[in-house]
């Protein structure tokens, strides 16, 4: 069984790999900041008409915008990261090399994605948040417990996101080209994560369904903990739902991987 040190090494190398793209990181920070400003004014206009929409006030709404910009790349909402690498390696046939490694393929790619997420959180997550703090009145976690809850929730958000992306990427075993499923994955995540609009302002049954789906783990759950709308048992419940989806989806990933590799025809010979 591979030691934790191996997975830590994989995560560290992924962190270093993404840290080499300095130009892309700076461009991304600028882009996230610009969109954060645009969305902030749009949300302020909306909340000026409905000051208590979804139980949020205007400060909550603007803070939510910047949390979203911070987590956009961290959870790879649009895709990217190691799961895109996996899909490409399946298409080229290089996945055969991965299958020969004496390490579980799912764990290998998860470790790499956690390293990627850590880099994006510290760069494209932190920098735009500072911009939002300078330009707008944003709210910070109100206690040490809330701060720790946010960090745990972000970690779980990355794991849930990875598992969803892994499932869509694994379709390349049968479709060969996973580009279509990648686009579908991004569209579903964009709407159901709350990136377009906070899930808390969805009406009635739609809100209940949205909050129960795994995509809510990407943004809505960490944001509600950050904003103080999940405290005590509500905080535990939010984290518990994230853990549930992480376990279920990773289990599904392993089942799909087992089915796909039971008889593998490697592309290219």
C-alpha atoms as a PDB file:
ATOM      1  CA  UNK A   1       0.000   0.000   0.000  1.00  0.00           C
ATOM      2  CA  UNK A   2       1.450   3.410  -0.967  1.00  0.00           C
ATOM      3  CA  UNK A   3       2.517   5.539   1.974  1.00  0.00           C
ATOM      4  CA  UNK A   4       1.054   8.996   2.692  1.00  0.00           C
ATOM      5  CA  UNK A   5       4.501  10.367   1.837  1.00  0.00           C
ATOM      6  CA  UNK A   6       4.006   9.298  -1.784  1.00  0.00           C
ATOM      7  CA  UNK A   7       0.705  11.142  -2.096  1.00  0.00           C
ATOM      8  CA  UNK A   8       2.228  14.173  -0.378  1.00  0.00           C
ATOM      9  CA  UNK A   9       5.053  14.112  -2.925  1.00  0.00           C
ATOM     10  CA  UNK A  10       2.530  13.949  -5.786  1.00  0.00           C
ATOM     11  CA  UNK A  11       0.602  16.904  -4.323  1.00  0.00           C
ATOM     12  CA  UNK A  12       3.810  18.887  -3.823  1.00  0.00           C
ATOM     13  CA  UNK A  13       4.931  18.314  -7.397  1.00  0.00           C
ATOM     14  CA  UNK A  14       1.519  19.402  -8.669  1.00  0.00           C
ATOM     15  CA  UNK A  15       1.801  22.580  -6.577  1.00  0.00           C
ATOM     16  CA  UNK A  16       5.224  23.306  -8.055  1.00  0.00           C
ATOM     17  CA  UNK A  17       4.010  22.545 -11.562  1.00  0.00           C
ATOM     18  CA  UNK A  18       1.260  25.160 -11.387  1.00  0.00           C
ATOM     19  CA  UNK A  19       3.556  27.671  -9.694  1.00  0.00           C
ATOM     20  CA  UNK A  20       5.642  27.825 -12.878  1.00  0.00           C
ATOM     21  CA  UNK A  21       2.765  29.498 -14.773  1.00  0.00           C
ATOM     22  CA  UNK A  22       3.314  32.939 -13.261  1.00  0.00           C
ATOM     23  CA  UNK A  23       1.930  34.871 -16.226  1.00  0.00           C
ATOM     24  CA  UNK A  24      -1.263  32.807 -16.322  1.00  0.00           C
ATOM     25  CA  UNK A  25      -1.701  33.245 -12.577  1.00  0.00           C
ATOM     26  CA  UNK A  26      -1.348  37.038 -12.742  1.00  0.00           C
ATOM     27  CA  UNK A  27      -3.747  37.206 -15.689  1.00  0.00           C
ATOM     28  CA  UNK A  28      -6.191  35.023 -13.773  1.00  0.00           C
ATOM     29  CA  UNK A  29      -6.010  37.229 -10.684  1.00  0.00           C
ATOM     30  CA  UNK A  30      -6.748  40.265 -12.828  1.00  0.00           C
ATOM     31  CA  UNK A  31      -9.672  38.510 -14.550  1.00  0.00           C
ATOM     32  CA  UNK A  32     -11.168  37.280 -11.271  1.00  0.00           C
ATOM     33  CA  UNK A  33     -10.846  40.755  -9.781  1.00  0.00           C
ATOM     34  CA  UNK A  34     -12.569  42.422 -12.747  1.00  0.00           C
ATOM     35  CA  UNK A  35     -15.454  39.963 -12.708  1.00  0.00           C
ATOM     36  CA  UNK A  36     -15.654  40.303  -8.927  1.00  0.00           C
ATOM     37  CA  UNK A  37     -16.129  44.062  -9.275  1.00  0.00           C
ATOM     38  CA  UNK A  38     -18.772  43.646 -11.997  1.00  0.00           C
ATOM     39  CA  UNK A  39     -20.702  41.037 -10.037  1.00  0.00           C
ATOM     40  CA  UNK A  40     -20.450  43.080  -6.842  1.00  0.00           C
ATOM     41  CA  UNK A  41     -22.207  46.069  -8.389  1.00  0.00           C
ATOM     42  CA  UNK A  42     -24.806  43.780  -9.994  1.00  0.00           C
ATOM     43  CA  UNK A  43     -25.521  42.144  -6.640  1.00  0.00           C
ATOM     44  CA  UNK A  44     -25.684  45.521  -4.886  1.00  0.00           C
ATOM     45  CA  UNK A  45     -28.296  46.611  -7.408  1.00  0.00           C
ATOM     46  CA  UNK A  46     -30.277  43.419  -6.837  1.00  0.00           C
ATOM     47  CA  UNK A  47     -30.084  43.641  -3.046  1.00  0.00           C
ATOM     48  CA  UNK A  48     -31.092  47.309  -3.111  1.00  0.00           C
ATOM     49  CA  UNK A  49     -34.458  46.055  -4.390  1.00  0.00           C
ATOM     50  CA  UNK A  50     -34.617  43.007  -2.110  1.00  0.00           C
ATOM     51  CA  UNK A  51     -32.501  43.828   0.963  1.00  0.00           C
ATOM     52  CA  UNK A  52     -33.047  40.453   2.656  1.00  0.00           C
ATOM     53  CA  UNK A  53     -33.061  38.091  -0.335  1.00  0.00           C
ATOM     54  CA  UNK A  54     -32.263  34.553   0.787  1.00  0.00           C
ATOM     55  CA  UNK A  55     -31.519  35.784   4.297  1.00  0.00           C
ATOM     56  CA  UNK A  56     -28.481  37.699   3.013  1.00  0.00           C
ATOM     57  CA  UNK A  57     -27.906  41.416   3.427  1.00  0.00           C
ATOM     58  CA  UNK A  58     -25.957  43.501   0.905  1.00  0.00           C
ATOM     59  CA  UNK A  59     -22.642  42.872   2.688  1.00  0.00           C
ATOM     60  CA  UNK A  60     -23.271  39.110   2.636  1.00  0.00           C
ATOM     61  CA  UNK A  61     -24.068  39.291  -1.073  1.00  0.00           C
ATOM     62  CA  UNK A  62     -20.883  41.166  -1.981  1.00  0.00           C
ATOM     63  CA  UNK A  63     -18.799  38.882   0.229  1.00  0.00           C
ATOM     64  CA  UNK A  64     -20.386  35.899  -1.511  1.00  0.00           C
ATOM     65  CA  UNK A  65     -19.202  37.282  -4.858  1.00  0.00           C
ATOM     66  CA  UNK A  66     -15.585  37.385  -3.733  1.00  0.00           C
ATOM     67  CA  UNK A  67     -15.753  33.971  -2.111  1.00  0.00           C
ATOM     68  CA  UNK A  68     -16.977  32.703  -5.465  1.00  0.00           C
ATOM     69  CA  UNK A  69     -14.091  34.324  -7.320  1.00  0.00           C
ATOM     70  CA  UNK A  70     -11.658  32.857  -4.788  1.00  0.00           C
ATOM     71  CA  UNK A  71     -13.049  29.332  -5.193  1.00  0.00           C
ATOM     72  CA  UNK A  72     -13.631  29.402  -8.950  1.00  0.00           C
ATOM     73  CA  UNK A  73     -10.213  27.979  -9.791  1.00  0.00           C
ATOM     74  CA  UNK A  74      -9.636  26.331  -6.427  1.00  0.00           C
ATOM     75  CA  UNK A  75     -12.479  23.861  -7.021  1.00  0.00           C
ATOM     76  CA  UNK A  76     -11.886  23.927 -10.804  1.00  0.00           C
ATOM     77  CA  UNK A  77     -15.536  24.716 -11.391  1.00  0.00           C
ATOM     78  CA  UNK A  78     -15.060  24.957 -15.174  1.00  0.00           C
ATOM     79  CA  UNK A  79     -12.871  21.863 -15.233  1.00  0.00           C
ATOM     80  CA  UNK A  80      -9.131  21.572 -15.517  1.00  0.00           C
ATOM     81  CA  UNK A  81      -6.548  20.048 -13.247  1.00  0.00           C
ATOM     82  CA  UNK A  82      -5.581  16.409 -13.082  1.00  0.00           C
ATOM     83  CA  UNK A  83      -8.916  15.123 -14.355  1.00  0.00           C
ATOM     84  CA  UNK A  84      -8.395  16.856 -17.691  1.00  0.00           C
ATOM     85  CA  UNK A  85      -4.946  15.282 -17.783  1.00  0.00           C
ATOM     86  CA  UNK A  86      -6.565  11.893 -17.185  1.00  0.00           C
ATOM     87  CA  UNK A  87      -9.033  12.336 -20.045  1.00  0.00           C
ATOM     88  CA  UNK A  88      -6.217  13.340 -22.385  1.00  0.00           C
ATOM     89  CA  UNK A  89      -4.083  10.375 -21.314  1.00  0.00           C
ATOM     90  CA  UNK A  90      -6.985   7.986 -21.893  1.00  0.00           C
ATOM     91  CA  UNK A  91      -7.424   9.388 -25.393  1.00  0.00           C
ATOM     92  CA  UNK A  92      -3.714   9.118 -26.220  1.00  0.00           C
ATOM     93  CA  UNK A  93      -3.263   5.720 -24.576  1.00  0.00           C
ATOM     94  CA  UNK A  94      -0.727   7.022 -22.053  1.00  0.00           C
ATOM     95  CA  UNK A  95      -3.088   5.915 -19.271  1.00  0.00           C
ATOM     96  CA  UNK A  96      -1.510   2.476 -19.674  1.00  0.00           C
ATOM     97  CA  UNK A  97       1.582   3.861 -17.944  1.00  0.00           C
ATOM     98  CA  UNK A  98      -0.587   5.102 -15.066  1.00  0.00           C
ATOM     99  CA  UNK A  99      -2.190   1.680 -14.674  1.00  0.00           C
ATOM    100  CA  UNK A 100       1.229   0.057 -14.342  1.00  0.00           C
ATOM    101  CA  UNK A 101       2.143   2.220 -11.366  1.00  0.00           C
ATOM    102  CA  UNK A 102       1.999   0.416  -7.992  1.00  0.00           C
ATOM    103  CA  UNK A 103      -0.472   2.995  -6.713  1.00  0.00           C
ATOM    104  CA  UNK A 104      -4.228   3.422  -6.970  1.00  0.00           C
ATOM    105  CA  UNK A 105      -5.028   5.598  -9.990  1.00  0.00           C
ATOM    106  CA  UNK A 106      -7.786   7.482  -8.145  1.00  0.00           C
ATOM    107  CA  UNK A 107      -5.549   8.340  -5.194  1.00  0.00           C
ATOM    108  CA  UNK A 108      -2.733   9.446  -7.496  1.00  0.00           C
ATOM    109  CA  UNK A 109      -4.900  11.908  -9.390  1.00  0.00           C
ATOM    110  CA  UNK A 110      -6.668  13.118  -6.231  1.00  0.00           C
ATOM    111  CA  UNK A 111      -3.332  13.938  -4.598  1.00  0.00           C
ATOM    112  CA  UNK A 112      -2.278  15.894  -7.674  1.00  0.00           C
ATOM    113  CA  UNK A 113      -5.559  17.793  -7.723  1.00  0.00           C
ATOM    114  CA  UNK A 114      -5.213  18.744  -4.069  1.00  0.00           C
ATOM    115  CA  UNK A 115      -1.774  20.189  -4.828  1.00  0.00           C
ATOM    116  CA  UNK A 116      -3.249  22.161  -7.727  1.00  0.00           C
ATOM    117  CA  UNK A 117      -6.091  23.421  -5.536  1.00  0.00           C
ATOM    118  CA  UNK A 118      -3.694  24.527  -2.796  1.00  0.00           C
ATOM    119  CA  UNK A 119      -1.748  26.643  -5.265  1.00  0.00           C
ATOM    120  CA  UNK A 120      -4.857  28.287  -6.699  1.00  0.00           C
ATOM    121  CA  UNK A 121      -6.279  28.968  -3.230  1.00  0.00           C
ATOM    122  CA  UNK A 122      -3.098  30.763  -2.159  1.00  0.00           C
ATOM    123  CA  UNK A 123      -2.858  32.797  -5.369  1.00  0.00           C
ATOM    124  CA  UNK A 124      -6.057  33.166  -7.375  1.00  0.00           C
ATOM    125  CA  UNK A 125      -8.042  32.695  -4.180  1.00  0.00           C
ATOM    126  CA  UNK A 126      -6.257  35.026  -1.782  1.00  0.00           C
ATOM    127  CA  UNK A 127      -5.357  37.911  -4.116  1.00  0.00           C
ATOM    128  CA  UNK A 128      -8.880  38.645  -5.451  1.00  0.00           C
ATOM    129  CA  UNK A 129     -10.238  38.425  -1.902  1.00  0.00           C
ATOM    130  CA  UNK A 130      -7.820  41.157  -0.841  1.00  0.00           C
ATOM    131  CA  UNK A 131      -8.983  43.250  -3.812  1.00  0.00           C
ATOM    132  CA  UNK A 132     -12.587  42.789  -2.718  1.00  0.00           C
ATOM    133  CA  UNK A 133     -11.693  43.742   0.859  1.00  0.00           C
ATOM    134  CA  UNK A 134     -10.018  46.948  -0.339  1.00  0.00           C
ATOM    135  CA  UNK A 135     -12.804  48.019  -2.712  1.00  0.00           C
ATOM    136  CA  UNK A 136     -15.918  46.825  -0.877  1.00  0.00           C
ATOM    137  CA  UNK A 137     -17.286  46.163   2.572  1.00  0.00           C
ATOM    138  CA  UNK A 138     -16.928  42.401   2.876  1.00  0.00           C
ATOM    139  CA  UNK A 139     -17.523  40.184   5.884  1.00  0.00           C
ATOM    140  CA  UNK A 140     -14.912  37.879   7.415  1.00  0.00           C
ATOM    141  CA  UNK A 141     -15.521  34.673   9.421  1.00  0.00           C
ATOM    142  CA  UNK A 142     -16.636  35.705  12.886  1.00  0.00           C
ATOM    143  CA  UNK A 143     -14.777  33.125  14.976  1.00  0.00           C
ATOM    144  CA  UNK A 144     -11.924  30.632  15.025  1.00  0.00           C
ATOM    145  CA  UNK A 145     -14.452  27.801  14.702  1.00  0.00           C
ATOM    146  CA  UNK A 146     -15.938  29.424  11.609  1.00  0.00           C
ATOM    147  CA  UNK A 147     -12.486  29.942  10.087  1.00  0.00           C
ATOM    148  CA  UNK A 148     -11.552  26.302  10.653  1.00  0.00           C
ATOM    149  CA  UNK A 149     -14.946  25.260   9.304  1.00  0.00           C
ATOM    150  CA  UNK A 150     -14.322  27.245   6.123  1.00  0.00           C
ATOM    151  CA  UNK A 151     -10.932  25.579   5.591  1.00  0.00           C
ATOM    152  CA  UNK A 152     -12.367  22.092   6.119  1.00  0.00           C
ATOM    153  CA  UNK A 153     -15.307  22.925   3.864  1.00  0.00           C
ATOM    154  CA  UNK A 154     -12.998  24.154   1.082  1.00  0.00           C
ATOM    155  CA  UNK A 155     -10.958  20.941   1.321  1.00  0.00           C
ATOM    156  CA  UNK A 156     -14.133  18.880   1.033  1.00  0.00           C
ATOM    157  CA  UNK A 157     -15.330  21.101  -1.820  1.00  0.00           C
ATOM    158  CA  UNK A 158     -12.181  20.270  -3.775  1.00  0.00           C
ATOM    159  CA  UNK A 159     -12.604  16.539  -3.117  1.00  0.00           C
ATOM    160  CA  UNK A 160     -16.268  16.563  -4.202  1.00  0.00           C
ATOM    161  CA  UNK A 161     -15.405  18.599  -7.282  1.00  0.00           C
ATOM    162  CA  UNK A 162     -12.540  16.258  -8.137  1.00  0.00           C
ATOM    163  CA  UNK A 163     -14.794  13.218  -7.858  1.00  0.00           C
ATOM    164  CA  UNK A 164     -17.412  14.771 -10.146  1.00  0.00           C
ATOM    165  CA  UNK A 165     -14.782  15.786 -12.691  1.00  0.00           C
ATOM    166  CA  UNK A 166     -13.155  12.349 -12.491  1.00  0.00           C
ATOM    167  CA  UNK A 167     -16.473  10.694 -13.339  1.00  0.00           C
ATOM    168  CA  UNK A 168     -16.975  12.911 -16.377  1.00  0.00           C
ATOM    169  CA  UNK A 169     -13.342  12.456 -17.452  1.00  0.00           C
ATOM    170  CA  UNK A 170     -13.700   8.675 -17.172  1.00  0.00           C
ATOM    171  CA  UNK A 171     -16.258   8.711 -19.964  1.00  0.00           C
ATOM    172  CA  UNK A 172     -13.226   8.935 -22.260  1.00  0.00           C
ATOM    173  CA  UNK A 173     -12.714   5.192 -21.658  1.00  0.00           C
ATOM    174  CA  UNK A 174     -15.854   4.653 -23.742  1.00  0.00           C
ATOM    175  CA  UNK A 175     -16.223   7.866 -25.775  1.00  0.00           C
ATOM    176  CA  UNK A 176     -12.468   8.393 -26.377  1.00  0.00           C
ATOM    177  CA  UNK A 177     -12.994  12.173 -26.421  1.00  0.00           C
ATOM    178  CA  UNK A 178     -14.374  13.613 -23.155  1.00  0.00           C
ATOM    179  CA  UNK A 179     -14.690  17.206 -24.401  1.00  0.00           C
ATOM    180  CA  UNK A 180     -18.492  17.056 -24.520  1.00  0.00           C
ATOM    181  CA  UNK A 181     -18.837  15.656 -20.986  1.00  0.00           C
ATOM    182  CA  UNK A 182     -16.324  18.274 -19.755  1.00  0.00           C
ATOM    183  CA  UNK A 183     -18.521  21.083 -21.092  1.00  0.00           C
ATOM    184  CA  UNK A 184     -21.622  19.494 -19.567  1.00  0.00           C
ATOM    185  CA  UNK A 185     -19.826  19.160 -16.226  1.00  0.00           C
ATOM    186  CA  UNK A 186     -18.904  22.860 -16.270  1.00  0.00           C
ATOM    187  CA  UNK A 187     -22.432  23.985 -17.139  1.00  0.00           C
ATOM    188  CA  UNK A 188     -23.993  21.882 -14.382  1.00  0.00           C
ATOM    189  CA  UNK A 189     -21.444  23.108 -11.851  1.00  0.00           C
ATOM    190  CA  UNK A 190     -21.887  26.744 -12.864  1.00  0.00           C
ATOM    191  CA  UNK A 191     -25.628  26.698 -12.169  1.00  0.00           C
ATOM    192  CA  UNK A 192     -26.002  24.244  -9.292  1.00  0.00           C
ATOM    193  CA  UNK A 193     -22.984  25.431  -7.273  1.00  0.00           C
ATOM    194  CA  UNK A 194     -24.468  28.911  -6.832  1.00  0.00           C
ATOM    195  CA  UNK A 195     -21.869  30.650  -8.973  1.00  0.00           C
ATOM    196  CA  UNK A 196     -24.548  32.307 -11.122  1.00  0.00           C
ATOM    197  CA  UNK A 197     -26.804  33.187  -8.173  1.00  0.00           C
ATOM    198  CA  UNK A 198     -26.655  32.086  -4.523  1.00  0.00           C
ATOM    199  CA  UNK A 199     -28.693  28.926  -4.059  1.00  0.00           C
ATOM    200  CA  UNK A 200     -30.358  30.466  -0.997  1.00  0.00           C
ATOM    201  CA  UNK A 201     -32.422  32.784  -3.202  1.00  0.00           C
ATOM    202  CA  UNK A 202     -33.835  29.938  -5.285  1.00  0.00           C
ATOM    203  CA  UNK A 203     -37.578  29.479  -4.737  1.00  0.00           C
ATOM    204  CA  UNK A 204     -39.102  26.766  -2.548  1.00  0.00           C
ATOM    205  CA  UNK A 205     -38.509  23.186  -3.632  1.00  0.00           C
ATOM    206  CA  UNK A 206     -35.827  24.170  -6.137  1.00  0.00           C
ATOM    207  CA  UNK A 207     -33.771  25.637  -3.289  1.00  0.00           C
ATOM    208  CA  UNK A 208     -34.127  22.459  -1.219  1.00  0.00           C
ATOM    209  CA  UNK A 209     -33.061  20.283  -4.160  1.00  0.00           C
ATOM    210  CA  UNK A 210     -30.132  22.559  -5.061  1.00  0.00           C
ATOM    211  CA  UNK A 211     -28.781  22.579  -1.503  1.00  0.00           C
ATOM    212  CA  UNK A 212     -28.942  18.777  -1.345  1.00  0.00           C
ATOM    213  CA  UNK A 213     -27.026  18.199  -4.589  1.00  0.00           C
ATOM    214  CA  UNK A 214     -23.233  17.688  -4.549  1.00  0.00           C
ATOM    215  CA  UNK A 215     -22.556  20.907  -6.466  1.00  0.00           C
ATOM    216  CA  UNK A 216     -23.694  22.964  -3.447  1.00  0.00           C
ATOM    217  CA  UNK A 217     -20.483  21.784  -1.771  1.00  0.00           C
ATOM    218  CA  UNK A 218     -18.409  23.761  -4.288  1.00  0.00           C
ATOM    219  CA  UNK A 219     -19.422  27.250  -3.162  1.00  0.00           C
ATOM    220  CA  UNK A 220     -22.683  27.585  -1.246  1.00  0.00           C
ATOM    221  CA  UNK A 221     -21.649  25.524   1.788  1.00  0.00           C
ATOM    222  CA  UNK A 222     -18.220  27.173   2.301  1.00  0.00           C
ATOM    223  CA  UNK A 223     -19.809  30.597   1.751  1.00  0.00           C
ATOM    224  CA  UNK A 224     -22.576  30.022   4.306  1.00  0.00           C
ATOM    225  CA  UNK A 225     -20.025  28.928   6.894  1.00  0.00           C
ATOM    226  CA  UNK A 226     -17.865  31.979   6.100  1.00  0.00           C
ATOM    227  CA  UNK A 227     -20.860  34.327   6.385  1.00  0.00           C
ATOM    228  CA  UNK A 228     -22.038  32.857   9.686  1.00  0.00           C
ATOM    229  CA  UNK A 229     -25.247  31.391   8.264  1.00  0.00           C
ATOM    230  CA  UNK A 230     -24.122  27.924   9.327  1.00  0.00           C
ATOM    231  CA  UNK A 231     -23.154  27.692  12.978  1.00  0.00           C
ATOM    232  CA  UNK A 232     -23.364  24.953  15.588  1.00  0.00           C
ATOM    233  CA  UNK A 233     -25.209  21.892  14.343  1.00  0.00           C
ATOM    234  CA  UNK A 234     -25.972  23.589  11.020  1.00  0.00           C
ATOM    235  CA  UNK A 235     -22.233  23.853  10.419  1.00  0.00           C
ATOM    236  CA  UNK A 236     -21.757  20.194  11.337  1.00  0.00           C
ATOM    237  CA  UNK A 237     -24.647  19.259   9.055  1.00  0.00           C
ATOM    238  CA  UNK A 238     -23.170  21.199   6.147  1.00  0.00           C
ATOM    239  CA  UNK A 239     -19.783  19.534   6.549  1.00  0.00           C
ATOM    240  CA  UNK A 240     -21.476  16.174   7.036  1.00  0.00           C
ATOM    241  CA  UNK A 241     -23.303  16.494   3.722  1.00  0.00           C
ATOM    242  CA  UNK A 242     -20.017  17.352   2.016  1.00  0.00           C
ATOM    243  CA  UNK A 243     -18.382  14.282   3.576  1.00  0.00           C
ATOM    244  CA  UNK A 244     -21.326  12.160   2.425  1.00  0.00           C
ATOM    245  CA  UNK A 245     -20.988  13.307  -1.178  1.00  0.00           C
ATOM    246  CA  UNK A 246     -17.201  12.954  -1.100  1.00  0.00           C
ATOM    247  CA  UNK A 247     -17.458   9.332   0.071  1.00  0.00           C
ATOM    248  CA  UNK A 248     -20.296   8.417  -2.315  1.00  0.00           C
ATOM    249  CA  UNK A 249     -18.721  10.040  -5.365  1.00  0.00           C
ATOM    250  CA  UNK A 250     -15.233   8.673  -4.711  1.00  0.00           C
ATOM    251  CA  UNK A 251     -16.826   5.242  -4.345  1.00  0.00           C
ATOM    252  CA  UNK A 252     -18.545   5.734  -7.693  1.00  0.00           C
ATOM    253  CA  UNK A 253     -15.219   6.790  -9.205  1.00  0.00           C
ATOM    254  CA  UNK A 254     -13.591   3.575  -8.025  1.00  0.00           C
ATOM    255  CA  UNK A 255     -16.463   1.480  -9.400  1.00  0.00           C
ATOM    256  CA  UNK A 256     -16.323   3.238 -12.775  1.00  0.00           C
ATOM    257  CA  UNK A 257     -12.547   2.878 -12.873  1.00  0.00           C
ATOM    258  CA  UNK A 258     -12.801  -0.835 -12.104  1.00  0.00           C
ATOM    259  CA  UNK A 259     -15.399  -1.306 -14.841  1.00  0.00           C
ATOM    260  CA  UNK A 260     -13.348   0.683 -17.343  1.00  0.00           C
ATOM    261  CA  UNK A 261     -10.090  -1.141 -16.685  1.00  0.00           C
ATOM    262  CA  UNK A 262     -11.524  -4.654 -16.446  1.00  0.00           C
ATOM    263  CA  UNK A 263     -10.723  -4.959 -20.132  1.00  0.00           C
ATOM    264  CA  UNK A 264      -8.733  -2.029 -21.480  1.00  0.00           C
ATOM    265  CA  UNK A 265      -8.070  -1.442 -25.154  1.00  0.00           C
ATOM    266  CA  UNK A 266      -5.283   1.131 -25.200  1.00  0.00           C
ATOM    267  CA  UNK A 267      -5.524   3.638 -28.000  1.00  0.00           C
ATOM    268  CA  UNK A 268      -2.556   3.653 -30.323  1.00  0.00           C
ATOM    269  CA  UNK A 269      -1.790  -0.060 -29.925  1.00  0.00           C
END
